[in-house]
Amino acid sequence: MATIIKAVIIGMAISVITATVIAVIVFFYPTNVNHIEGQQAKMQDISRSEATNPAGNGYRQVNVTANGRTLIADISATNEQRTKGLAIKDQLDENQAMLFVFENEAEHTFWMKDMKFPIDIIWINADKTVIHVEHNLQPCSTVLLCTTYKANGNSLYVLETVGGFTQKYGITNGTHIVFDLNN
């Protein structure tokens, strides 16, 4: 009887610990905790610009060109926007994207939580050169089985496109990406 009670207590403790860890992951991941005052103010200006997109979802847009192909990208510049990412959309057209703009270069990690369609993820350094590409990533089936992705180097920007875009247009490491956040 004592063995059964111990097993039940241990099982309950494991359940509580697992639930706590999952709650922490869901609430905090992914976040960017590196804040520099001047950069943070600039990021808020980017996200609050009056040049929002026609859909009225509060995201400013920018034209992004890669290998001669121009995309209209929503700019994701705040922690809240970056946490939601493309999960706010039900689909993405080939000429649409989301550009994540960070305060500083770092190894920025992404996952496919709450996504509804496959995407390509492109990590871009401060010189606007591609440093890593992940192709045709599928949405997570559950949070517990949600793989994380990151480049093997620091990036300042991350571009998410419809799945298959990078292969179709030859976007690889070393590709130069053109966009101007000051317009």
N, C-alpha and C. Protein backbone atom coordinates (compact mmCIF):
# COMPACT_ATOMS: atom_id res chain seq x y z
N MET A 1 0.82 -1.19 0.00
CA MET A 1 0.00 0.00 0.00
C MET A 1 0.87 1.25 0.00
N ALA A 2 1.95 1.23 0.81
CA ALA A 2 2.84 2.39 0.88
C ALA A 2 3.50 2.65 -0.47
N THR A 3 3.80 1.61 -1.22
CA THR A 3 4.40 1.76 -2.54
C THR A 3 3.43 2.43 -3.50
N ILE A 4 2.16 2.08 -3.42
CA ILE A 4 1.16 2.69 -4.29
C ILE A 4 0.99 4.16 -3.95
N ILE A 5 0.97 4.50 -2.68
CA ILE A 5 0.84 5.90 -2.26
C ILE A 5 2.04 6.70 -2.75
N LYS A 6 3.25 6.15 -2.60
CA LYS A 6 4.45 6.84 -3.09
C LYS A 6 4.38 7.05 -4.60
N ALA A 7 3.93 6.06 -5.33
CA ALA A 7 3.82 6.17 -6.79
C ALA A 7 2.82 7.25 -7.17
N VAL A 8 1.69 7.31 -6.45
CA VAL A 8 0.68 8.33 -6.74
C VAL A 8 1.24 9.72 -6.45
N ILE A 9 1.93 9.89 -5.33
CA ILE A 9 2.51 11.19 -4.95
C ILE A 9 3.56 11.60 -5.99
N ILE A 10 4.41 10.70 -6.38
CA ILE A 10 5.44 11.00 -7.38
C ILE A 10 4.78 11.36 -8.72
N GLY A 11 3.77 10.64 -9.11
CA GLY A 11 3.05 10.94 -10.36
C GLY A 11 2.41 12.31 -10.33
N MET A 12 1.81 12.67 -9.19
CA MET A 12 1.20 13.99 -9.05
C MET A 12 2.26 15.09 -9.12
N ALA A 13 3.39 14.87 -8.47
CA ALA A 13 4.47 15.85 -8.48
C ALA A 13 5.00 16.05 -9.89
N ILE A 14 5.17 14.99 -10.63
CA ILE A 14 5.63 15.09 -12.02
C ILE A 14 4.62 15.85 -12.86
N SER A 15 3.34 15.59 -12.67
CA SER A 15 2.29 16.29 -13.42
C SER A 15 2.31 17.78 -13.15
N VAL A 16 2.47 18.17 -11.87
CA VAL A 16 2.51 19.59 -11.50
C VAL A 16 3.74 20.26 -12.12
N ILE A 17 4.88 19.61 -12.04
CA ILE A 17 6.11 20.18 -12.60
C ILE A 17 5.98 20.32 -14.11
N THR A 18 5.46 19.30 -14.78
CA THR A 18 5.28 19.35 -16.24
C THR A 18 4.34 20.47 -16.64
N ALA A 19 3.23 20.60 -15.94
CA ALA A 19 2.26 21.66 -16.24
C ALA A 19 2.88 23.04 -16.04
N THR A 20 3.69 23.20 -15.01
CA THR A 20 4.35 24.47 -14.76
C THR A 20 5.34 24.80 -15.87
N VAL A 21 6.13 23.83 -16.27
CA VAL A 21 7.10 24.05 -17.34
C VAL A 21 6.39 24.41 -18.64
N ILE A 22 5.31 23.73 -18.97
CA ILE A 22 4.57 24.03 -20.19
C ILE A 22 4.00 25.44 -20.12
N ALA A 23 3.45 25.82 -18.97
CA ALA A 23 2.88 27.17 -18.82
C ALA A 23 3.96 28.23 -19.01
N VAL A 24 5.14 28.00 -18.48
CA VAL A 24 6.24 28.96 -18.63
C VAL A 24 6.66 29.05 -20.09
N ILE A 25 6.77 27.92 -20.78
CA ILE A 25 7.17 27.92 -22.18
C ILE A 25 6.15 28.66 -23.03
N VAL A 26 4.87 28.36 -22.84
CA VAL A 26 3.83 28.98 -23.65
C VAL A 26 3.77 30.48 -23.40
N PHE A 27 3.95 30.90 -22.15
CA PHE A 27 3.81 32.32 -21.83
C PHE A 27 5.03 33.13 -22.25
N PHE A 28 6.22 32.60 -22.08
CA PHE A 28 7.41 33.40 -22.29
C PHE A 28 8.15 33.15 -23.59
N TYR A 29 7.94 32.05 -24.26
CA TYR A 29 8.78 31.70 -25.41
C TYR A 29 8.11 32.10 -26.70
N PRO A 30 8.70 32.61 -27.75
CA PRO A 30 10.02 33.19 -27.74
C PRO A 30 9.95 34.67 -27.37
N THR A 31 10.88 35.14 -26.62
CA THR A 31 10.95 36.56 -26.29
C THR A 31 12.36 37.04 -26.51
N ASN A 32 12.48 38.33 -26.62
CA ASN A 32 13.79 38.94 -26.77
C ASN A 32 13.99 39.84 -25.56
N VAL A 33 14.86 39.45 -24.64
CA VAL A 33 15.02 40.19 -23.40
C VAL A 33 16.13 41.23 -23.46
N ASN A 34 16.79 41.33 -24.59
CA ASN A 34 17.85 42.33 -24.73
C ASN A 34 17.24 43.64 -25.21
N HIS A 35 17.23 44.64 -24.35
CA HIS A 35 16.66 45.94 -24.71
C HIS A 35 17.71 47.04 -24.56
N ILE A 36 17.83 47.83 -25.60
CA ILE A 36 18.67 49.01 -25.56
C ILE A 36 17.74 50.18 -25.77
N GLU A 37 17.77 51.18 -24.85
CA GLU A 37 16.78 52.25 -24.88
C GLU A 37 16.60 52.89 -26.24
N GLY A 38 17.64 53.33 -26.87
CA GLY A 38 17.53 54.00 -28.17
C GLY A 38 16.96 53.09 -29.23
N GLN A 39 17.41 51.84 -29.27
CA GLN A 39 16.92 50.89 -30.25
C GLN A 39 15.46 50.56 -29.98
N GLN A 40 15.09 50.43 -28.69
CA GLN A 40 13.72 50.10 -28.35
C GLN A 40 12.78 51.22 -28.80
N ALA A 41 13.18 52.46 -28.60
CA ALA A 41 12.35 53.59 -29.04
C ALA A 41 12.20 53.58 -30.56
N LYS A 42 13.29 53.28 -31.28
CA LYS A 42 13.23 53.20 -32.74
C LYS A 42 12.27 52.10 -33.18
N MET A 43 12.30 50.96 -32.49
CA MET A 43 11.43 49.85 -32.84
C MET A 43 9.97 50.24 -32.62
N GLN A 44 9.69 50.96 -31.54
CA GLN A 44 8.31 51.39 -31.29
C GLN A 44 7.86 52.36 -32.37
N ASP A 45 8.76 53.23 -32.83
CA ASP A 45 8.41 54.15 -33.92
C ASP A 45 8.09 53.36 -35.19
N ILE A 46 8.87 52.32 -35.47
CA ILE A 46 8.62 51.49 -36.65
C ILE A 46 7.24 50.85 -36.56
N SER A 47 6.91 50.30 -35.40
CA SER A 47 5.64 49.57 -35.27
C SER A 47 4.45 50.51 -35.19
N ARG A 48 4.63 51.77 -34.75
CA ARG A 48 3.51 52.69 -34.60
C ARG A 48 3.33 53.62 -35.78
N SER A 49 4.16 53.48 -36.78
CA SER A 49 4.09 54.36 -37.93
C SER A 49 2.68 54.40 -38.50
N GLU A 50 2.32 55.55 -39.05
CA GLU A 50 1.00 55.70 -39.66
C GLU A 50 0.92 54.94 -40.98
N ALA A 51 2.04 54.46 -41.48
CA ALA A 51 2.04 53.73 -42.76
C ALA A 51 1.66 52.28 -42.51
N THR A 52 0.48 52.06 -41.97
CA THR A 52 0.03 50.69 -41.73
C THR A 52 -0.51 50.10 -43.02
N ASN A 53 -0.71 48.82 -43.02
CA ASN A 53 -1.14 48.17 -44.26
C ASN A 53 -2.63 48.34 -44.49
N PRO A 54 -3.07 48.12 -45.71
CA PRO A 54 -4.48 48.29 -46.06
C PRO A 54 -5.42 47.36 -45.29
N ALA A 55 -4.92 46.23 -44.81
CA ALA A 55 -5.77 45.30 -44.09
C ALA A 55 -6.15 45.86 -42.72
N GLY A 56 -5.45 46.88 -42.27
CA GLY A 56 -5.78 47.52 -41.01
C GLY A 56 -5.44 46.69 -39.78
N ASN A 57 -4.44 45.79 -39.89
CA ASN A 57 -4.11 44.98 -38.73
C ASN A 57 -3.04 45.62 -37.84
N GLY A 58 -2.68 46.88 -38.10
CA GLY A 58 -1.76 47.59 -37.23
C GLY A 58 -0.29 47.39 -37.54
N TYR A 59 0.03 46.63 -38.55
CA TYR A 59 1.42 46.40 -38.92
C TYR A 59 1.80 47.34 -40.07
N ARG A 60 2.92 48.02 -39.91
CA ARG A 60 3.46 48.81 -41.01
C ARG A 60 3.99 47.84 -42.06
N GLN A 61 4.01 48.25 -43.31
CA GLN A 61 4.51 47.38 -44.37
C GLN A 61 5.74 47.98 -45.02
N VAL A 62 6.55 47.10 -45.60
CA VAL A 62 7.74 47.50 -46.33
C VAL A 62 7.90 46.57 -47.53
N ASN A 63 8.40 47.10 -48.64
CA ASN A 63 8.74 46.26 -49.78
C ASN A 63 10.08 45.61 -49.51
N VAL A 64 10.15 44.31 -49.69
CA VAL A 64 11.37 43.54 -49.50
C VAL A 64 11.67 42.83 -50.81
N THR A 65 12.89 43.02 -51.34
CA THR A 65 13.27 42.40 -52.61
C THR A 65 14.41 41.42 -52.40
N ALA A 66 14.23 40.22 -52.97
CA ALA A 66 15.24 39.17 -52.91
C ALA A 66 15.33 38.52 -54.28
N ASN A 67 16.52 38.54 -54.86
CA ASN A 67 16.74 37.97 -56.20
C ASN A 67 15.71 38.47 -57.22
N GLY A 68 15.42 39.75 -57.17
CA GLY A 68 14.51 40.36 -58.13
C GLY A 68 13.04 40.18 -57.84
N ARG A 69 12.70 39.46 -56.80
CA ARG A 69 11.29 39.21 -56.44
C ARG A 69 10.92 40.12 -55.27
N THR A 70 9.91 41.00 -55.46
CA THR A 70 9.50 41.94 -54.42
C THR A 70 8.29 41.40 -53.67
N LEU A 71 8.40 41.48 -52.35
CA LEU A 71 7.34 41.05 -51.45
C LEU A 71 6.82 42.26 -50.68
N ILE A 72 5.57 42.21 -50.27
CA ILE A 72 5.02 43.20 -49.36
C ILE A 72 5.03 42.54 -47.99
N ALA A 73 5.86 43.08 -47.09
CA ALA A 73 6.05 42.44 -45.79
C ALA A 73 5.46 43.29 -44.66
N ASP A 74 4.68 42.65 -43.80
CA ASP A 74 4.29 43.28 -42.55
C ASP A 74 5.53 43.34 -41.67
N ILE A 75 5.75 44.46 -41.00
CA ILE A 75 6.91 44.61 -40.11
C ILE A 75 6.49 44.22 -38.70
N SER A 76 7.18 43.25 -38.15
CA SER A 76 6.95 42.79 -36.79
C SER A 76 8.10 43.33 -35.94
N ALA A 77 7.83 44.42 -35.18
CA ALA A 77 8.92 45.11 -34.50
C ALA A 77 8.79 45.15 -32.98
N THR A 78 7.66 44.75 -32.43
CA THR A 78 7.52 44.74 -30.97
C THR A 78 7.54 43.30 -30.48
N ASN A 79 7.80 43.10 -29.19
CA ASN A 79 7.79 41.74 -28.65
C ASN A 79 6.43 41.08 -28.86
N GLU A 80 5.35 41.83 -28.69
CA GLU A 80 4.01 41.27 -28.89
C GLU A 80 3.82 40.82 -30.33
N GLN A 81 4.21 41.66 -31.29
CA GLN A 81 4.08 41.30 -32.70
C GLN A 81 4.96 40.11 -33.04
N ARG A 82 6.19 40.10 -32.51
CA ARG A 82 7.10 39.00 -32.82
C ARG A 82 6.60 37.69 -32.22
N THR A 83 6.00 37.74 -31.04
CA THR A 83 5.49 36.52 -30.41
C THR A 83 4.34 35.94 -31.23
N LYS A 84 3.46 36.78 -31.77
CA LYS A 84 2.34 36.31 -32.59
C LYS A 84 2.81 35.89 -33.97
N GLY A 85 3.71 36.67 -34.57
CA GLY A 85 4.23 36.35 -35.90
C GLY A 85 3.13 36.12 -36.92
N LEU A 86 3.36 35.20 -37.82
CA LEU A 86 2.39 34.91 -38.87
C LEU A 86 1.20 34.08 -38.38
N ALA A 87 1.18 33.73 -37.11
CA ALA A 87 0.02 33.01 -36.57
C ALA A 87 -1.24 33.85 -36.63
N ILE A 88 -1.09 35.16 -36.90
CA ILE A 88 -2.25 36.05 -37.02
C ILE A 88 -2.96 35.86 -38.36
N LYS A 89 -2.35 35.13 -39.28
CA LYS A 89 -2.91 34.98 -40.63
C LYS A 89 -3.38 33.54 -40.87
N ASP A 90 -4.42 33.42 -41.69
CA ASP A 90 -4.92 32.10 -42.08
C ASP A 90 -4.21 31.56 -43.31
N GLN A 91 -3.62 32.46 -44.09
CA GLN A 91 -2.88 32.08 -45.29
C GLN A 91 -1.91 33.20 -45.65
N LEU A 92 -1.02 32.89 -46.56
CA LEU A 92 -0.03 33.87 -47.02
C LEU A 92 0.11 33.69 -48.53
N ASP A 93 -0.01 34.78 -49.28
CA ASP A 93 0.19 34.72 -50.72
C ASP A 93 1.69 34.76 -51.02
N GLU A 94 2.06 34.36 -52.22
CA GLU A 94 3.47 34.30 -52.60
C GLU A 94 4.14 35.68 -52.56
N ASN A 95 3.37 36.75 -52.74
CA ASN A 95 3.96 38.10 -52.72
C ASN A 95 3.88 38.75 -51.35
N GLN A 96 3.53 37.99 -50.32
CA GLN A 96 3.44 38.51 -48.95
C GLN A 96 4.49 37.88 -48.07
N ALA A 97 4.83 38.60 -46.98
CA ALA A 97 5.82 38.10 -46.03
C ALA A 97 5.65 38.83 -44.71
N MET A 98 6.44 38.42 -43.73
CA MET A 98 6.55 39.16 -42.48
C MET A 98 8.03 39.34 -42.20
N LEU A 99 8.42 40.60 -41.92
CA LEU A 99 9.81 40.93 -41.60
C LEU A 99 9.90 41.22 -40.11
N PHE A 100 10.65 40.40 -39.39
CA PHE A 100 10.89 40.60 -37.96
C PHE A 100 12.12 41.48 -37.82
N VAL A 101 11.97 42.57 -37.09
CA VAL A 101 13.05 43.53 -36.89
C VAL A 101 13.40 43.52 -35.41
N PHE A 102 14.65 43.21 -35.09
CA PHE A 102 15.09 43.11 -33.70
C PHE A 102 15.94 44.31 -33.30
N GLU A 103 16.06 44.50 -31.99
CA GLU A 103 16.85 45.61 -31.46
C GLU A 103 18.35 45.42 -31.69
N ASN A 104 18.80 44.16 -31.67
CA ASN A 104 20.23 43.90 -31.87
C ASN A 104 20.43 42.52 -32.48
N GLU A 105 21.60 42.34 -33.04
CA GLU A 105 21.93 41.05 -33.64
C GLU A 105 22.09 40.01 -32.54
N ALA A 106 21.50 38.85 -32.75
CA ALA A 106 21.58 37.74 -31.82
C ALA A 106 21.12 36.48 -32.55
N GLU A 107 21.17 35.35 -31.86
CA GLU A 107 20.64 34.10 -32.41
C GLU A 107 19.15 34.05 -32.09
N HIS A 108 18.34 34.55 -32.98
CA HIS A 108 16.90 34.62 -32.76
C HIS A 108 16.25 33.29 -33.12
N THR A 109 15.47 32.77 -32.17
CA THR A 109 14.85 31.46 -32.30
C THR A 109 13.38 31.60 -32.67
N PHE A 110 12.93 30.70 -33.55
CA PHE A 110 11.54 30.71 -34.01
C PHE A 110 10.96 29.31 -33.89
N TRP A 111 9.63 29.26 -33.85
CA TRP A 111 8.92 28.00 -33.88
C TRP A 111 7.63 28.18 -34.63
N MET A 112 6.91 27.11 -34.85
CA MET A 112 5.71 27.13 -35.69
C MET A 112 4.42 27.01 -34.87
N LYS A 113 4.47 27.45 -33.61
CA LYS A 113 3.30 27.40 -32.73
C LYS A 113 2.16 28.23 -33.31
N ASP A 114 0.97 27.66 -33.30
CA ASP A 114 -0.27 28.30 -33.75
C ASP A 114 -0.29 28.64 -35.24
N MET A 115 0.67 28.18 -36.00
CA MET A 115 0.69 28.44 -37.44
C MET A 115 -0.36 27.57 -38.14
N LYS A 116 -0.84 28.08 -39.28
CA LYS A 116 -1.88 27.39 -40.02
C LYS A 116 -1.41 26.93 -41.40
N PHE A 117 -0.17 27.25 -41.77
CA PHE A 117 0.33 26.92 -43.10
C PHE A 117 1.86 26.85 -43.05
N PRO A 118 2.48 26.16 -44.01
CA PRO A 118 3.94 26.03 -44.03
C PRO A 118 4.61 27.33 -44.50
N ILE A 119 5.80 27.59 -43.97
CA ILE A 119 6.56 28.79 -44.35
C ILE A 119 8.04 28.47 -44.50
N ASP A 120 8.74 29.40 -45.15
CA ASP A 120 10.21 29.41 -45.15
C ASP A 120 10.63 30.52 -44.19
N ILE A 121 11.71 30.28 -43.46
CA ILE A 121 12.24 31.30 -42.55
C ILE A 121 13.65 31.65 -43.01
N ILE A 122 13.91 32.96 -43.15
CA ILE A 122 15.18 33.46 -43.67
C ILE A 122 15.80 34.40 -42.63
N TRP A 123 16.98 34.04 -42.11
CA TRP A 123 17.69 34.88 -41.15
C TRP A 123 18.63 35.80 -41.92
N ILE A 124 18.63 37.09 -41.56
CA ILE A 124 19.37 38.12 -42.30
C ILE A 124 20.20 38.92 -41.31
N ASN A 125 21.48 39.15 -41.64
CA ASN A 125 22.34 39.92 -40.73
C ASN A 125 22.16 41.42 -40.93
N ALA A 126 22.92 42.22 -40.19
CA ALA A 126 22.81 43.68 -40.24
C ALA A 126 23.17 44.24 -41.61
N ASP A 127 23.96 43.51 -42.39
CA ASP A 127 24.32 43.93 -43.75
C ASP A 127 23.26 43.54 -44.77
N LYS A 128 22.15 42.97 -44.29
CA LYS A 128 21.03 42.52 -45.12
C LYS A 128 21.44 41.39 -46.05
N THR A 129 22.26 40.50 -45.51
CA THR A 129 22.69 39.31 -46.24
C THR A 129 22.13 38.08 -45.53
N VAL A 130 21.60 37.15 -46.30
CA VAL A 130 21.04 35.91 -45.75
C VAL A 130 22.15 35.09 -45.12
N ILE A 131 21.92 34.66 -43.86
CA ILE A 131 22.90 33.82 -43.18
C ILE A 131 22.39 32.39 -42.95
N HIS A 132 21.05 32.20 -43.08
CA HIS A 132 20.49 30.87 -42.87
C HIS A 132 19.07 30.83 -43.42
N VAL A 133 18.68 29.67 -43.95
CA VAL A 133 17.33 29.48 -44.48
C VAL A 133 16.80 28.14 -43.98
N GLU A 134 15.55 28.13 -43.54
CA GLU A 134 14.83 26.89 -43.24
C GLU A 134 13.68 26.81 -44.24
N HIS A 135 13.52 25.65 -44.86
CA HIS A 135 12.58 25.48 -45.96
C HIS A 135 11.30 24.76 -45.54
N ASN A 136 10.17 25.27 -46.00
CA ASN A 136 8.88 24.60 -45.94
C ASN A 136 8.57 23.99 -44.57
N LEU A 137 8.69 24.81 -43.54
CA LEU A 137 8.43 24.34 -42.17
C LEU A 137 6.93 24.17 -41.95
N GLN A 138 6.57 23.05 -41.37
CA GLN A 138 5.16 22.73 -41.15
C GLN A 138 4.71 23.20 -39.76
N PRO A 139 3.43 23.55 -39.62
CA PRO A 139 2.91 23.95 -38.30
C PRO A 139 3.09 22.84 -37.27
N CYS A 140 3.22 23.23 -36.00
CA CYS A 140 3.35 22.27 -34.91
C CYS A 140 2.03 21.55 -34.70
N SER A 141 2.11 20.26 -34.38
CA SER A 141 0.89 19.53 -34.06
C SER A 141 0.48 19.78 -32.61
N THR A 142 1.46 19.93 -31.72
CA THR A 142 1.22 20.30 -30.33
C THR A 142 2.39 21.12 -29.84
N VAL A 143 2.20 21.86 -28.76
CA VAL A 143 3.28 22.67 -28.18
C VAL A 143 4.43 21.78 -27.73
N LEU A 144 4.11 20.59 -27.22
CA LEU A 144 5.15 19.69 -26.73
C LEU A 144 6.04 19.16 -27.84
N LEU A 145 5.52 19.11 -29.07
CA LEU A 145 6.28 18.60 -30.20
C LEU A 145 6.67 19.72 -31.17
N CYS A 146 6.80 20.92 -30.66
CA CYS A 146 7.07 22.08 -31.51
C CYS A 146 8.58 22.35 -31.57
N THR A 147 9.18 22.05 -32.71
CA THR A 147 10.61 22.23 -32.91
C THR A 147 10.96 23.71 -32.97
N THR A 148 12.12 24.07 -32.44
CA THR A 148 12.61 25.45 -32.57
C THR A 148 13.69 25.50 -33.64
N TYR A 149 13.79 26.67 -34.28
CA TYR A 149 14.74 26.86 -35.37
C TYR A 149 15.54 28.13 -35.12
N LYS A 150 16.83 28.08 -35.43
CA LYS A 150 17.67 29.28 -35.34
C LYS A 150 18.84 29.13 -36.29
N ALA A 151 19.43 30.26 -36.61
CA ALA A 151 20.62 30.27 -37.47
C ALA A 151 21.85 29.95 -36.62
N ASN A 152 22.91 29.56 -37.29
CA ASN A 152 24.18 29.32 -36.59
C ASN A 152 25.01 30.60 -36.53
N GLY A 153 24.34 31.71 -36.39
CA GLY A 153 25.01 33.00 -36.31
C GLY A 153 24.00 34.05 -35.92
N ASN A 154 24.46 35.26 -35.79
CA ASN A 154 23.60 36.35 -35.37
C ASN A 154 22.86 36.98 -36.54
N SER A 155 21.61 37.32 -36.29
CA SER A 155 20.81 38.02 -37.30
C SER A 155 20.17 39.24 -36.65
N LEU A 156 19.85 40.22 -37.47
CA LEU A 156 19.14 41.41 -37.02
C LEU A 156 17.70 41.38 -37.53
N TYR A 157 17.49 40.65 -38.63
CA TYR A 157 16.18 40.55 -39.26
C TYR A 157 15.89 39.08 -39.54
N VAL A 158 14.59 38.76 -39.56
CA VAL A 158 14.16 37.44 -40.00
C VAL A 158 12.95 37.66 -40.90
N LEU A 159 12.98 37.03 -42.05
CA LEU A 159 11.91 37.16 -43.03
C LEU A 159 11.18 35.82 -43.14
N GLU A 160 9.86 35.85 -42.98
CA GLU A 160 9.06 34.65 -43.16
C GLU A 160 8.25 34.80 -44.44
N THR A 161 8.32 33.77 -45.29
CA THR A 161 7.62 33.77 -46.57
C THR A 161 6.78 32.50 -46.67
N VAL A 162 5.96 32.43 -47.69
CA VAL A 162 5.19 31.23 -47.95
C VAL A 162 6.15 30.06 -48.19
N GLY A 163 5.77 28.88 -47.76
CA GLY A 163 6.60 27.69 -47.95
C GLY A 163 6.95 27.47 -49.41
N GLY A 164 8.21 27.18 -49.70
CA GLY A 164 8.68 26.93 -51.05
C GLY A 164 9.23 28.15 -51.76
N PHE A 165 9.04 29.34 -51.18
CA PHE A 165 9.49 30.58 -51.81
C PHE A 165 11.00 30.60 -52.02
N THR A 166 11.76 30.21 -51.01
CA THR A 166 13.23 30.30 -51.10
C THR A 166 13.80 29.38 -52.17
N GLN A 167 13.23 28.21 -52.31
CA GLN A 167 13.72 27.30 -53.35
C GLN A 167 13.30 27.78 -54.73
N LYS A 168 12.08 28.27 -54.86
CA LYS A 168 11.58 28.73 -56.16
C LYS A 168 12.39 29.92 -56.68
N TYR A 169 12.81 30.82 -55.78
CA TYR A 169 13.52 32.03 -56.21
C TYR A 169 15.02 32.01 -55.86
N GLY A 170 15.54 30.86 -55.48
CA GLY A 170 16.98 30.71 -55.27
C GLY A 170 17.55 31.54 -54.13
N ILE A 171 16.80 31.68 -53.05
CA ILE A 171 17.28 32.43 -51.88
C ILE A 171 18.13 31.48 -51.05
N THR A 172 19.42 31.79 -50.92
CA THR A 172 20.36 30.94 -50.19
C THR A 172 21.26 31.83 -49.33
N ASN A 173 22.10 31.21 -48.54
CA ASN A 173 23.10 31.97 -47.77
C ASN A 173 23.90 32.85 -48.73
N GLY A 174 24.07 34.11 -48.35
CA GLY A 174 24.81 35.05 -49.17
C GLY A 174 23.93 35.92 -50.06
N THR A 175 22.64 35.57 -50.21
CA THR A 175 21.73 36.39 -51.00
C THR A 175 21.54 37.73 -50.30
N HIS A 176 21.62 38.82 -51.06
CA HIS A 176 21.40 40.16 -50.50
C HIS A 176 19.91 40.48 -50.56
N ILE A 177 19.38 40.99 -49.46
CA ILE A 177 17.97 41.35 -49.34
C ILE A 177 17.88 42.87 -49.30
N VAL A 178 16.94 43.46 -50.05
CA VAL A 178 16.82 44.91 -50.14
C VAL A 178 15.50 45.36 -49.50
N PHE A 179 15.59 46.28 -48.54
CA PHE A 179 14.43 46.94 -47.96
C PHE A 179 14.90 48.18 -47.23
N ASP A 180 13.98 49.13 -47.05
CA ASP A 180 14.30 50.39 -46.39
C ASP A 180 13.26 50.65 -45.30
N LEU A 181 13.65 50.55 -44.06
CA LEU A 181 12.73 50.74 -42.94
C LEU A 181 12.46 52.21 -42.64
N ASN A 182 13.18 53.11 -43.29
CA ASN A 182 13.02 54.54 -43.02
C ASN A 182 11.92 55.18 -43.83
N ASN A 183 11.31 54.46 -44.74
CA ASN A 183 10.21 55.02 -45.56
C ASN A 183 8.87 54.69 -44.97
